[in-house]
Amino acid sequence: MPFQAVTVGLYIDGKQYFARTNQQDLIVLAGDSRTETYFYVGLIGSLTDVAGTRYDNTRLDGGKVQVSVTFDTQTGVVSSTRIALAGRF
């Protein structure tokens, strides 16, 4: 399983925050005989700072995160990564 407990980390105004995600979808695409791309889509949970303070009802709560990783299936070398965040509307 390529993705197991995805946590998003953010820096906002010089402070570090984290949010766990709940997997909504996982898609695996073969680019050719040597590459695969994994697309993870998850819902963002509440933000927590490094001291453990939880921040509910932010614009990111319930938003989406998309992570994609492309790698060589023979060597395991990652050739591309991408992350995108979208707040809830």
Protein backbone atom coordinates (compact mmCIF):
# COMPACT_ATOMS: atom_id res chain seq x y z
CA MET A 1 0.00 0.00 0.00
CA PRO A 2 1.74 3.19 -1.15
CA PHE A 3 -0.16 5.62 1.09
CA GLN A 4 -0.93 4.73 4.72
CA ALA A 5 -1.63 7.64 7.11
CA VAL A 6 -1.25 10.81 5.08
CA THR A 7 -0.67 13.91 7.20
CA VAL A 8 -0.48 17.40 5.68
CA GLY A 9 2.02 19.86 7.16
CA LEU A 10 1.67 23.61 6.66
CA TYR A 11 3.57 26.76 7.65
CA ILE A 12 1.27 29.71 8.27
CA ASP A 13 2.73 33.01 9.49
CA GLY A 14 5.88 31.20 10.60
CA LYS A 15 3.99 28.58 12.65
CA GLN A 16 3.77 24.89 11.84
CA TYR A 17 0.43 23.05 11.65
CA PHE A 18 -0.59 19.50 10.79
CA ALA A 19 -3.81 17.81 9.68
CA ARG A 20 -4.54 14.14 9.17
CA THR A 21 -6.44 13.13 6.07
CA ASN A 22 -9.09 10.50 5.41
CA GLN A 23 -8.58 8.64 2.14
CA GLN A 24 -11.39 9.11 -0.37
CA ASP A 25 -9.78 7.60 -3.44
CA LEU A 26 -6.58 5.97 -4.68
CA ILE A 27 -5.94 5.60 -8.39
CA VAL A 28 -2.97 3.81 -9.97
CA LEU A 29 -2.05 4.58 -13.57
CA ALA A 30 0.63 2.89 -15.65
CA GLY A 31 2.47 5.44 -17.79
CA ASP A 32 4.39 2.82 -19.74
CA SER A 33 6.04 -0.50 -18.95
CA ARG A 34 8.40 1.18 -16.43
CA THR A 35 6.40 3.89 -14.64
CA GLU A 36 3.36 4.06 -12.42
CA THR A 37 1.62 7.08 -10.93
CA TYR A 38 -0.35 6.88 -7.70
CA PHE A 39 -3.03 9.53 -7.12
CA TYR A 40 -4.25 9.88 -3.53
CA VAL A 41 -7.34 11.99 -2.74
CA GLY A 42 -8.26 12.64 0.88
CA LEU A 43 -10.37 14.90 3.07
CA ILE A 44 -8.46 17.22 5.40
CA GLY A 45 -9.20 17.01 9.13
CA SER A 46 -8.77 19.68 11.81
CA LEU A 47 -5.50 21.58 12.03
CA THR A 48 -3.26 20.94 15.05
CA ASP A 49 -0.16 22.94 16.00
CA VAL A 50 3.09 21.48 17.33
CA ALA A 51 1.90 22.02 20.93
CA GLY A 52 -1.17 19.87 20.24
CA THR A 53 -3.72 22.70 20.15
CA ARG A 54 -6.55 21.79 17.80
CA TYR A 55 -8.16 24.39 15.52
CA ASP A 56 -11.66 23.43 14.39
CA ASN A 57 -13.75 25.07 11.69
CA THR A 58 -10.92 26.45 9.57
CA ARG A 59 -11.33 26.85 5.82
CA LEU A 60 -9.28 23.67 5.33
CA ASP A 61 -11.49 21.42 7.52
CA GLY A 62 -13.23 19.05 5.12
CA GLY A 63 -11.21 20.37 2.19
CA LYS A 64 -9.38 18.08 -0.19
CA VAL A 65 -5.76 17.11 -0.62
CA GLN A 66 -4.43 15.45 -3.76
CA VAL A 67 -1.02 13.79 -3.80
CA SER A 68 0.54 12.18 -6.84
CA VAL A 69 3.77 10.23 -7.00
CA THR A 70 5.32 8.84 -10.19
CA PHE A 71 8.09 6.29 -9.95
CA ASP A 72 10.09 3.76 -11.95
CA THR A 73 8.65 0.31 -11.20
CA GLN A 74 11.99 -1.42 -11.79
CA THR A 75 14.26 0.82 -9.70
CA GLY A 76 11.76 2.39 -7.29
CA VAL A 77 13.18 5.85 -8.05
CA VAL A 78 10.61 8.64 -7.73
CA SER A 79 10.60 10.93 -10.76
CA SER A 80 7.75 13.28 -9.87
CA THR A 81 5.63 14.37 -6.92
CA ARG A 82 2.79 16.84 -6.61
CA ILE A 83 0.51 18.03 -3.82
CA ALA A 84 -2.57 20.24 -4.10
CA LEU A 85 -4.86 21.59 -1.36
CA ALA A 86 -8.38 22.92 -1.79
CA GLY A 87 -10.37 24.39 1.08
CA ARG A 88 -14.01 23.62 1.55
CA PHE A 89 -16.57 25.87 -0.06
